[in-house]
Amino acid sequence: MPEGLSLSELHDVLQEVMGWTDSHLHHFQWRGKRFGVPDPELDWDQVIDEDMVTLKKLGLSVKARLKYLYDFGDGWEHVLTVEQVLAAGERQTPVCLKGARSCPPEDCGVVWGYANLLNILQDPTHKEYAEWKAWLPEDFDPERFDLAEVNRALSLRRWNMAPLSQKGRKKTD
């Protein structure tokens, strides 16, 4: 990841890589602080605006671990490990180095819910098989991961790595 990437943009990268649709709340945790989209009506503790913090500003070094939580209901917890720090300079595009299997579909439940879904999909005689097949995208394949497709999608995005003072808030629907 380029050091000028904001945490908001890192969230966008993760959504792209995972194949999710940014349908749920999320936050990052680093050194006891939470970073996300502040909402005074929902936050019971301080959340630092993720649009105003870059990877460089966090001071991440190689082997540092940043926590990312997506979908507070299902609780998809990720630990992101810094493998290399790219210095500022020419425009850089985030890149996925490797991956395996399809990501869990949105709203399939926590880890055990996804495991249950995978078991159901292996048994066409299961009483919930037809219901899940109808709910899932038609082309869902739990074994599919296309690294080239993910990196193509990342390369097509316009990453706003301008100085933070020039960045605007992310638009919401």
N, C-alpha and C. Protein backbone atom coordinates (compact mmCIF):
# COMPACT_ATOMS: atom_id res chain seq x y z
N MET A 1 0.83 -1.17 0.00
CA MET A 1 0.00 0.00 0.00
C MET A 1 0.88 1.25 0.00
N PRO A 2 0.50 2.24 -0.75
CA PRO A 2 1.22 3.51 -0.71
C PRO A 2 1.06 4.17 0.66
N GLU A 3 2.09 4.81 1.16
CA GLU A 3 2.04 5.42 2.48
C GLU A 3 1.04 6.57 2.55
N GLY A 4 0.69 7.16 1.40
CA GLY A 4 -0.26 8.27 1.38
C GLY A 4 -1.71 7.84 1.41
N LEU A 5 -1.98 6.55 1.43
CA LEU A 5 -3.35 6.03 1.46
C LEU A 5 -3.98 6.34 2.81
N SER A 6 -5.18 6.91 2.80
CA SER A 6 -5.89 7.15 4.06
C SER A 6 -6.51 5.83 4.52
N LEU A 7 -6.88 5.78 5.79
CA LEU A 7 -7.55 4.57 6.29
C LEU A 7 -8.88 4.36 5.59
N SER A 8 -9.54 5.44 5.21
CA SER A 8 -10.78 5.33 4.44
C SER A 8 -10.52 4.61 3.11
N GLU A 9 -9.42 5.00 2.46
CA GLU A 9 -9.07 4.36 1.19
C GLU A 9 -8.61 2.91 1.43
N LEU A 10 -7.94 2.65 2.53
CA LEU A 10 -7.57 1.28 2.85
C LEU A 10 -8.82 0.43 3.03
N HIS A 11 -9.84 0.98 3.67
CA HIS A 11 -11.13 0.29 3.79
C HIS A 11 -11.67 -0.04 2.39
N ASP A 12 -11.59 0.92 1.47
CA ASP A 12 -12.06 0.67 0.10
C ASP A 12 -11.26 -0.44 -0.57
N VAL A 13 -9.95 -0.47 -0.34
CA VAL A 13 -9.11 -1.54 -0.88
C VAL A 13 -9.57 -2.88 -0.34
N LEU A 14 -9.78 -2.95 0.97
CA LEU A 14 -10.19 -4.21 1.58
C LEU A 14 -11.55 -4.68 1.07
N GLN A 15 -12.46 -3.74 0.87
CA GLN A 15 -13.77 -4.10 0.32
C GLN A 15 -13.61 -4.70 -1.07
N GLU A 16 -12.76 -4.09 -1.87
CA GLU A 16 -12.52 -4.57 -3.24
C GLU A 16 -11.89 -5.96 -3.23
N VAL A 17 -10.87 -6.13 -2.41
CA VAL A 17 -10.17 -7.40 -2.34
C VAL A 17 -11.08 -8.51 -1.82
N MET A 18 -11.88 -8.19 -0.82
CA MET A 18 -12.76 -9.21 -0.24
C MET A 18 -14.00 -9.47 -1.09
N GLY A 19 -14.32 -8.53 -1.97
CA GLY A 19 -15.53 -8.72 -2.77
C GLY A 19 -16.79 -8.31 -2.05
N TRP A 20 -16.65 -7.50 -1.00
CA TRP A 20 -17.81 -7.04 -0.26
C TRP A 20 -18.34 -5.75 -0.86
N THR A 21 -19.48 -5.28 -0.36
CA THR A 21 -20.18 -4.16 -0.97
C THR A 21 -20.25 -2.91 -0.08
N ASP A 22 -19.45 -2.86 0.98
CA ASP A 22 -19.43 -1.71 1.88
C ASP A 22 -20.82 -1.44 2.45
N SER A 23 -21.49 -2.52 2.85
CA SER A 23 -22.86 -2.42 3.34
C SER A 23 -22.95 -2.31 4.86
N HIS A 24 -21.82 -2.36 5.54
CA HIS A 24 -21.83 -2.39 7.01
C HIS A 24 -20.80 -1.44 7.59
N LEU A 25 -20.94 -1.18 8.88
CA LEU A 25 -19.98 -0.35 9.60
C LEU A 25 -18.65 -1.07 9.73
N HIS A 26 -17.61 -0.31 9.98
CA HIS A 26 -16.27 -0.87 10.14
C HIS A 26 -15.44 0.08 10.99
N HIS A 27 -14.32 -0.43 11.46
CA HIS A 27 -13.32 0.44 12.07
C HIS A 27 -11.97 -0.26 12.07
N PHE A 28 -10.93 0.54 12.27
CA PHE A 28 -9.56 0.06 12.40
C PHE A 28 -9.15 0.28 13.86
N GLN A 29 -8.23 -0.53 14.34
CA GLN A 29 -7.67 -0.33 15.67
C GLN A 29 -6.15 -0.35 15.56
N TRP A 30 -5.53 0.64 16.18
CA TRP A 30 -4.07 0.73 16.18
C TRP A 30 -3.64 1.40 17.48
N ARG A 31 -2.83 0.70 18.24
CA ARG A 31 -2.29 1.23 19.49
C ARG A 31 -3.37 1.80 20.41
N GLY A 32 -4.44 1.05 20.58
CA GLY A 32 -5.50 1.42 21.50
C GLY A 32 -6.45 2.49 20.99
N LYS A 33 -6.31 2.91 19.74
CA LYS A 33 -7.20 3.93 19.18
C LYS A 33 -8.07 3.31 18.10
N ARG A 34 -9.28 3.84 17.99
CA ARG A 34 -10.21 3.40 16.94
C ARG A 34 -10.30 4.47 15.87
N PHE A 35 -10.29 4.02 14.61
CA PHE A 35 -10.40 4.91 13.46
C PHE A 35 -11.57 4.42 12.61
N GLY A 36 -12.42 5.33 12.20
CA GLY A 36 -13.57 4.97 11.37
C GLY A 36 -14.28 6.23 10.91
N VAL A 37 -15.58 6.08 10.68
CA VAL A 37 -16.41 7.22 10.30
C VAL A 37 -17.13 7.66 11.57
N PRO A 38 -16.72 8.79 12.14
CA PRO A 38 -17.33 9.23 13.39
C PRO A 38 -18.83 9.48 13.26
N ASP A 39 -19.55 9.07 14.27
CA ASP A 39 -20.99 9.31 14.34
C ASP A 39 -21.32 9.58 15.81
N PRO A 40 -21.50 10.85 16.17
CA PRO A 40 -21.72 11.21 17.57
C PRO A 40 -22.95 10.52 18.18
N GLU A 41 -23.91 10.13 17.36
CA GLU A 41 -25.10 9.47 17.89
C GLU A 41 -24.87 8.00 18.20
N LEU A 42 -23.87 7.39 17.57
CA LEU A 42 -23.63 5.96 17.76
C LEU A 42 -22.38 5.65 18.57
N ASP A 43 -21.41 6.53 18.57
CA ASP A 43 -20.13 6.23 19.21
C ASP A 43 -20.20 6.44 20.71
N TRP A 44 -19.88 5.38 21.46
CA TRP A 44 -19.83 5.47 22.90
C TRP A 44 -18.42 5.81 23.38
N ASP A 45 -17.46 5.71 22.48
CA ASP A 45 -16.11 6.17 22.78
C ASP A 45 -15.57 6.89 21.55
N GLN A 46 -14.43 7.49 21.68
CA GLN A 46 -13.88 8.34 20.63
C GLN A 46 -13.46 7.53 19.40
N VAL A 47 -13.93 7.94 18.23
CA VAL A 47 -13.50 7.36 16.96
C VAL A 47 -12.82 8.48 16.18
N ILE A 48 -11.60 8.22 15.75
CA ILE A 48 -10.84 9.20 14.98
C ILE A 48 -11.23 9.06 13.52
N ASP A 49 -11.45 10.18 12.86
CA ASP A 49 -11.89 10.20 11.46
C ASP A 49 -10.85 9.54 10.55
N GLU A 50 -11.23 8.42 9.95
CA GLU A 50 -10.32 7.66 9.09
C GLU A 50 -9.92 8.41 7.82
N ASP A 51 -10.70 9.39 7.43
CA ASP A 51 -10.34 10.19 6.26
C ASP A 51 -9.13 11.07 6.54
N MET A 52 -8.87 11.34 7.80
CA MET A 52 -7.81 12.28 8.17
C MET A 52 -6.51 11.60 8.59
N VAL A 53 -6.44 10.29 8.42
CA VAL A 53 -5.26 9.54 8.87
C VAL A 53 -4.73 8.69 7.73
N THR A 54 -3.46 8.88 7.39
CA THR A 54 -2.83 8.06 6.36
C THR A 54 -2.02 6.94 7.02
N LEU A 55 -1.63 5.98 6.19
CA LEU A 55 -0.77 4.92 6.70
C LEU A 55 0.53 5.50 7.23
N LYS A 56 1.06 6.51 6.54
CA LYS A 56 2.30 7.15 6.99
C LYS A 56 2.11 7.80 8.36
N LYS A 57 0.98 8.48 8.55
CA LYS A 57 0.73 9.18 9.81
C LYS A 57 0.65 8.19 10.98
N LEU A 58 0.20 6.98 10.72
CA LEU A 58 0.16 5.97 11.79
C LEU A 58 1.55 5.52 12.19
N GLY A 59 2.52 5.71 11.29
CA GLY A 59 3.89 5.30 11.59
C GLY A 59 4.07 3.79 11.56
N LEU A 60 3.33 3.12 10.68
CA LEU A 60 3.44 1.67 10.57
C LEU A 60 4.81 1.28 10.04
N SER A 61 5.38 0.26 10.61
CA SER A 61 6.66 -0.27 10.13
C SER A 61 6.46 -1.72 9.72
N VAL A 62 7.46 -2.30 9.09
CA VAL A 62 7.37 -3.68 8.65
C VAL A 62 7.06 -4.58 9.85
N LYS A 63 6.14 -5.49 9.65
CA LYS A 63 5.64 -6.45 10.65
C LYS A 63 4.61 -5.85 11.61
N ALA A 64 4.31 -4.55 11.49
CA ALA A 64 3.27 -3.96 12.33
C ALA A 64 1.92 -4.59 11.96
N ARG A 65 1.04 -4.66 12.94
CA ARG A 65 -0.28 -5.27 12.72
C ARG A 65 -1.38 -4.26 13.05
N LEU A 66 -2.23 -4.06 12.08
CA LEU A 66 -3.36 -3.14 12.19
C LEU A 66 -4.63 -3.99 12.17
N LYS A 67 -5.51 -3.77 13.13
CA LYS A 67 -6.76 -4.54 13.17
C LYS A 67 -7.85 -3.83 12.39
N TYR A 68 -8.68 -4.62 11.71
CA TYR A 68 -9.79 -4.10 10.91
C TYR A 68 -11.00 -4.96 11.22
N LEU A 69 -12.10 -4.32 11.61
CA LEU A 69 -13.35 -5.02 11.88
C LEU A 69 -14.39 -4.53 10.90
N TYR A 70 -15.02 -5.48 10.20
CA TYR A 70 -16.07 -5.14 9.24
C TYR A 70 -17.34 -5.87 9.64
N ASP A 71 -18.45 -5.17 9.60
CA ASP A 71 -19.77 -5.68 9.94
C ASP A 71 -19.83 -6.03 11.42
N PHE A 72 -20.23 -5.06 12.22
CA PHE A 72 -20.25 -5.24 13.67
C PHE A 72 -21.17 -6.37 14.10
N GLY A 73 -22.19 -6.70 13.29
CA GLY A 73 -23.09 -7.81 13.62
C GLY A 73 -22.43 -9.16 13.39
N ASP A 74 -21.87 -9.34 12.20
CA ASP A 74 -21.20 -10.61 11.89
C ASP A 74 -19.79 -10.65 12.47
N GLY A 75 -19.17 -9.50 12.61
CA GLY A 75 -17.87 -9.42 13.27
C GLY A 75 -16.72 -10.04 12.50
N TRP A 76 -16.53 -9.60 11.25
CA TRP A 76 -15.41 -10.11 10.47
C TRP A 76 -14.15 -9.38 10.89
N GLU A 77 -13.33 -10.03 11.69
CA GLU A 77 -12.10 -9.44 12.21
C GLU A 77 -10.92 -9.82 11.31
N HIS A 78 -10.10 -8.84 11.01
CA HIS A 78 -8.92 -9.03 10.17
C HIS A 78 -7.72 -8.44 10.89
N VAL A 79 -6.57 -9.07 10.74
CA VAL A 79 -5.32 -8.51 11.20
C VAL A 79 -4.47 -8.28 9.96
N LEU A 80 -4.17 -7.02 9.71
CA LEU A 80 -3.39 -6.63 8.53
C LEU A 80 -1.94 -6.48 8.96
N THR A 81 -1.05 -7.17 8.29
CA THR A 81 0.36 -7.13 8.63
C THR A 81 1.13 -6.36 7.54
N VAL A 82 1.90 -5.38 7.96
CA VAL A 82 2.70 -4.60 7.01
C VAL A 82 3.87 -5.47 6.54
N GLU A 83 3.95 -5.65 5.22
CA GLU A 83 5.05 -6.43 4.66
C GLU A 83 6.13 -5.53 4.07
N GLN A 84 5.73 -4.35 3.60
CA GLN A 84 6.69 -3.43 3.01
C GLN A 84 6.09 -2.03 3.08
N VAL A 85 6.92 -1.05 3.32
CA VAL A 85 6.48 0.35 3.33
C VAL A 85 6.99 1.00 2.05
N LEU A 86 6.05 1.51 1.24
CA LEU A 86 6.41 2.17 -0.01
C LEU A 86 6.47 3.67 0.22
N ALA A 87 7.59 4.26 -0.09
CA ALA A 87 7.78 5.70 0.12
C ALA A 87 6.96 6.51 -0.87
N ALA A 88 6.70 7.74 -0.51
CA ALA A 88 5.98 8.65 -1.40
C ALA A 88 6.81 8.87 -2.66
N GLY A 89 6.14 9.21 -3.72
CA GLY A 89 6.83 9.45 -4.98
C GLY A 89 5.82 9.34 -6.10
N GLU A 90 6.15 8.56 -7.08
CA GLU A 90 5.23 8.36 -8.20
C GLU A 90 3.95 7.72 -7.69
N ARG A 91 2.88 8.00 -8.41
CA ARG A 91 1.58 7.44 -8.05
C ARG A 91 1.66 5.91 -7.98
N GLN A 92 1.19 5.36 -6.89
CA GLN A 92 1.24 3.93 -6.68
C GLN A 92 -0.17 3.40 -6.50
N THR A 93 -0.41 2.22 -7.01
CA THR A 93 -1.71 1.59 -6.89
C THR A 93 -1.62 0.44 -5.90
N PRO A 94 -2.59 0.30 -4.99
CA PRO A 94 -2.59 -0.85 -4.09
C PRO A 94 -2.61 -2.15 -4.89
N VAL A 95 -1.93 -3.16 -4.36
CA VAL A 95 -1.82 -4.45 -5.03
C VAL A 95 -2.11 -5.56 -4.03
N CYS A 96 -2.85 -6.55 -4.46
CA CYS A 96 -3.07 -7.76 -3.66
C CYS A 96 -1.99 -8.75 -4.05
N LEU A 97 -1.25 -9.26 -3.07
CA LEU A 97 -0.14 -10.16 -3.34
C LEU A 97 -0.58 -11.62 -3.50
N LYS A 98 -1.56 -12.03 -2.74
CA LYS A 98 -2.06 -13.40 -2.86
C LYS A 98 -3.42 -13.50 -2.18
N GLY A 99 -4.08 -14.60 -2.44
CA GLY A 99 -5.37 -14.84 -1.84
C GLY A 99 -5.80 -16.26 -2.11
N ALA A 100 -6.84 -16.69 -1.43
CA ALA A 100 -7.37 -18.03 -1.63
C ALA A 100 -8.85 -18.03 -1.29
N ARG A 101 -9.60 -18.72 -2.06
CA ARG A 101 -11.04 -18.92 -1.85
C ARG A 101 -11.82 -17.60 -1.94
N SER A 102 -13.08 -17.73 -2.15
CA SER A 102 -13.99 -16.59 -2.22
C SER A 102 -14.24 -16.06 -0.82
N CYS A 103 -14.50 -14.77 -0.73
CA CYS A 103 -14.81 -14.23 0.59
C CYS A 103 -16.23 -14.63 0.98
N PRO A 104 -16.52 -14.65 2.27
CA PRO A 104 -17.89 -14.93 2.69
C PRO A 104 -18.85 -13.88 2.16
N PRO A 105 -20.00 -14.29 1.66
CA PRO A 105 -20.98 -13.30 1.17
C PRO A 105 -21.46 -12.41 2.32
N GLU A 106 -21.85 -11.20 1.97
CA GLU A 106 -22.42 -10.29 2.97
C GLU A 106 -23.58 -10.98 3.68
N ASP A 107 -23.67 -10.76 5.00
CA ASP A 107 -24.81 -11.19 5.81
C ASP A 107 -25.01 -12.70 5.90
N CYS A 108 -23.94 -13.47 5.73
CA CYS A 108 -24.10 -14.93 5.85
C CYS A 108 -23.92 -15.40 7.29
N GLY A 109 -23.60 -14.50 8.17
CA GLY A 109 -23.39 -14.88 9.56
C GLY A 109 -21.92 -14.82 9.90
N VAL A 110 -21.65 -15.01 11.15
CA VAL A 110 -20.26 -15.00 11.61
C VAL A 110 -19.51 -16.19 11.02
N VAL A 111 -18.29 -16.42 11.46
CA VAL A 111 -17.45 -17.48 10.91
C VAL A 111 -18.19 -18.82 10.90
N TRP A 112 -18.84 -19.15 12.01
CA TRP A 112 -19.57 -20.43 12.05
C TRP A 112 -20.74 -20.43 11.07
N GLY A 113 -21.35 -19.28 10.82
CA GLY A 113 -22.46 -19.19 9.86
C GLY A 113 -21.98 -19.47 8.44
N TYR A 114 -20.80 -18.97 8.12
CA TYR A 114 -20.23 -19.23 6.80
C TYR A 114 -19.85 -20.70 6.67
N ALA A 115 -19.27 -21.26 7.73
CA ALA A 115 -18.93 -22.69 7.71
C ALA A 115 -20.18 -23.53 7.52
N ASN A 116 -21.27 -23.16 8.18
CA ASN A 116 -22.54 -23.87 8.02
C ASN A 116 -23.05 -23.75 6.58
N LEU A 117 -22.95 -22.55 6.02
CA LEU A 117 -23.37 -22.34 4.63
C LEU A 117 -22.58 -23.25 3.69
N LEU A 118 -21.28 -23.34 3.88
CA LEU A 118 -20.45 -24.20 3.03
C LEU A 118 -20.86 -25.66 3.15
N ASN A 119 -21.19 -26.10 4.36
CA ASN A 119 -21.67 -27.47 4.56
C ASN A 119 -22.98 -27.71 3.83
N ILE A 120 -23.88 -26.76 3.91
CA ILE A 120 -25.18 -26.88 3.23
C ILE A 120 -24.99 -26.96 1.72
N LEU A 121 -24.10 -26.15 1.18
CA LEU A 121 -23.88 -26.13 -0.27
C LEU A 121 -23.28 -27.45 -0.79
N GLN A 122 -22.67 -28.22 0.09
CA GLN A 122 -22.11 -29.51 -0.32
C GLN A 122 -23.17 -30.62 -0.35
N ASP A 123 -24.36 -30.31 0.14
CA ASP A 123 -25.41 -31.34 0.23
C ASP A 123 -26.71 -30.84 -0.40
N PRO A 124 -26.92 -31.11 -1.70
CA PRO A 124 -28.15 -30.64 -2.37
C PRO A 124 -29.44 -31.19 -1.76
N THR A 125 -29.34 -32.20 -0.90
CA THR A 125 -30.56 -32.74 -0.25
C THR A 125 -30.85 -32.04 1.07
N HIS A 126 -29.96 -31.16 1.51
CA HIS A 126 -30.16 -30.44 2.77
C HIS A 126 -31.42 -29.58 2.66
N LYS A 127 -32.19 -29.51 3.75
CA LYS A 127 -33.47 -28.78 3.73
C LYS A 127 -33.30 -27.29 3.44
N GLU A 128 -32.12 -26.69 3.70
CA GLU A 128 -31.90 -25.27 3.45
C GLU A 128 -31.15 -25.00 2.14
N TYR A 129 -30.81 -26.05 1.41
CA TYR A 129 -30.00 -25.90 0.20
C TYR A 129 -30.65 -24.95 -0.82
N ALA A 130 -31.89 -25.17 -1.16
CA ALA A 130 -32.57 -24.36 -2.19
C ALA A 130 -32.68 -22.89 -1.75
N GLU A 131 -32.96 -22.69 -0.47
CA GLU A 131 -33.09 -21.32 0.05
C GLU A 131 -31.76 -20.56 -0.07
N TRP A 132 -30.66 -21.22 0.32
CA TRP A 132 -29.35 -20.57 0.23
C TRP A 132 -28.94 -20.36 -1.21
N LYS A 133 -29.18 -21.34 -2.07
CA LYS A 133 -28.82 -21.19 -3.49
C LYS A 133 -29.57 -20.02 -4.11
N ALA A 134 -30.81 -19.82 -3.73
CA ALA A 134 -31.61 -18.70 -4.26
C ALA A 134 -31.09 -17.36 -3.72
N TRP A 135 -30.56 -17.35 -2.50
CA TRP A 135 -30.10 -16.13 -1.87
C TRP A 135 -28.72 -15.71 -2.38
N LEU A 136 -27.87 -16.68 -2.68
CA LEU A 136 -26.50 -16.39 -3.11
C LEU A 136 -26.45 -15.89 -4.55
N PRO A 137 -25.41 -15.15 -4.90
CA PRO A 137 -25.24 -14.80 -6.32
C PRO A 137 -25.13 -16.09 -7.14
N GLU A 138 -25.66 -16.05 -8.33
CA GLU A 138 -25.71 -17.24 -9.17
C GLU A 138 -24.32 -17.85 -9.42
N ASP A 139 -23.32 -16.99 -9.54
CA ASP A 139 -21.98 -17.47 -9.85
C ASP A 139 -21.11 -17.71 -8.61
N PHE A 140 -21.72 -17.77 -7.42
CA PHE A 140 -20.93 -17.95 -6.20
C PHE A 140 -20.23 -19.31 -6.20
N ASP A 141 -18.93 -19.27 -6.03
CA ASP A 141 -18.11 -20.46 -5.93
C ASP A 141 -17.16 -20.24 -4.76
N PRO A 142 -17.33 -20.97 -3.65
CA PRO A 142 -16.51 -20.73 -2.47
C PRO A 142 -15.01 -20.98 -2.70
N GLU A 143 -14.65 -21.68 -3.73
CA GLU A 143 -13.24 -21.97 -4.00
C GLU A 143 -12.59 -20.95 -4.93
N ARG A 144 -13.37 -20.07 -5.50
CA ARG A 144 -12.86 -19.16 -6.53
C ARG A 144 -12.16 -17.95 -5.91
N PHE A 145 -10.96 -17.67 -6.39
CA PHE A 145 -10.26 -16.43 -6.12
C PHE A 145 -9.39 -16.14 -7.33
N ASP A 146 -9.59 -14.99 -7.93
CA ASP A 146 -8.84 -14.63 -9.14
C ASP A 146 -7.98 -13.41 -8.82
N LEU A 147 -6.70 -13.67 -8.54
CA LEU A 147 -5.78 -12.60 -8.16
C LEU A 147 -5.68 -11.54 -9.24
N ALA A 148 -5.61 -11.96 -10.50
CA ALA A 148 -5.51 -10.99 -11.60
C ALA A 148 -6.76 -10.11 -11.66
N GLU A 149 -7.92 -10.69 -11.44
CA GLU A 149 -9.17 -9.91 -11.46
C GLU A 149 -9.20 -8.89 -10.33
N VAL A 150 -8.76 -9.30 -9.15
CA VAL A 150 -8.73 -8.38 -8.01
C VAL A 150 -7.79 -7.22 -8.30
N ASN A 151 -6.60 -7.52 -8.79
CA ASN A 151 -5.63 -6.45 -9.07
C ASN A 151 -6.07 -5.57 -10.23
N ARG A 152 -6.78 -6.13 -11.18
CA ARG A 152 -7.34 -5.32 -12.27
C ARG A 152 -8.35 -4.33 -11.70
N ALA A 153 -9.22 -4.80 -10.82
CA ALA A 153 -10.21 -3.92 -10.20
C ALA A 153 -9.54 -2.83 -9.37
N LEU A 154 -8.48 -3.19 -8.65
CA LEU A 154 -7.75 -2.18 -7.86
C LEU A 154 -7.09 -1.14 -8.77
N SER A 155 -6.57 -1.60 -9.90
CA SER A 155 -5.88 -0.67 -10.81
C SER A 155 -6.85 0.28 -11.51
N LEU A 156 -8.11 -0.12 -11.64
CA LEU A 156 -9.10 0.72 -12.31
C LEU A 156 -9.69 1.79 -11.39
N ARG A 157 -9.55 1.61 -10.08
CA ARG A 157 -10.07 2.59 -9.12
C ARG A 157 -9.21 3.84 -9.15
N ARG A 158 -9.82 4.96 -8.89
CA ARG A 158 -9.08 6.21 -8.76
C ARG A 158 -8.82 6.43 -7.28
N TRP A 159 -7.58 6.27 -6.88
CA TRP A 159 -7.20 6.44 -5.48
C TRP A 159 -6.84 7.89 -5.25
N ASN A 160 -7.49 8.50 -4.29
CA ASN A 160 -7.30 9.91 -3.98
C ASN A 160 -6.21 10.05 -2.93
N MET A 161 -4.96 9.99 -3.38
CA MET A 161 -3.85 10.08 -2.43
C MET A 161 -3.28 11.49 -2.37
N ALA A 162 -4.17 12.47 -2.52
CA ALA A 162 -3.76 13.86 -2.39
C ALA A 162 -3.49 14.14 -0.91
N PRO A 163 -2.81 15.24 -0.62
CA PRO A 163 -2.62 15.60 0.79
C PRO A 163 -3.97 15.66 1.50
N LEU A 164 -3.98 15.28 2.77
CA LEU A 164 -5.23 15.21 3.52
C LEU A 164 -6.02 16.50 3.49
N SER A 165 -5.36 17.62 3.45
CA SER A 165 -6.07 18.90 3.44
C SER A 165 -6.90 19.08 2.17
N GLN A 166 -6.57 18.32 1.12
CA GLN A 166 -7.30 18.44 -0.15
C GLN A 166 -8.36 17.35 -0.32
N LYS A 167 -8.39 16.39 0.60
CA LYS A 167 -9.33 15.29 0.48
C LYS A 167 -10.69 15.71 0.99
N GLY A 168 -11.73 15.26 0.33
CA GLY A 168 -13.09 15.52 0.78
C GLY A 168 -13.64 14.29 1.47
N ARG A 169 -14.72 14.47 2.19
CA ARG A 169 -15.38 13.35 2.85
C ARG A 169 -15.92 12.41 1.78
N LYS A 170 -15.91 11.13 2.13
CA LYS A 170 -16.46 10.12 1.25
C LYS A 170 -17.97 10.33 1.16
N LYS A 171 -18.48 10.27 -0.06
CA LYS A 171 -19.92 10.44 -0.24
C LYS A 171 -20.64 9.18 0.23
N THR A 172 -21.81 9.36 0.82
CA THR A 172 -22.61 8.23 1.25
C THR A 172 -23.97 8.29 0.57
N ASP A 173 -24.54 7.12 0.43
CA ASP A 173 -25.86 7.02 -0.21
C ASP A 173 -26.96 7.16 0.81
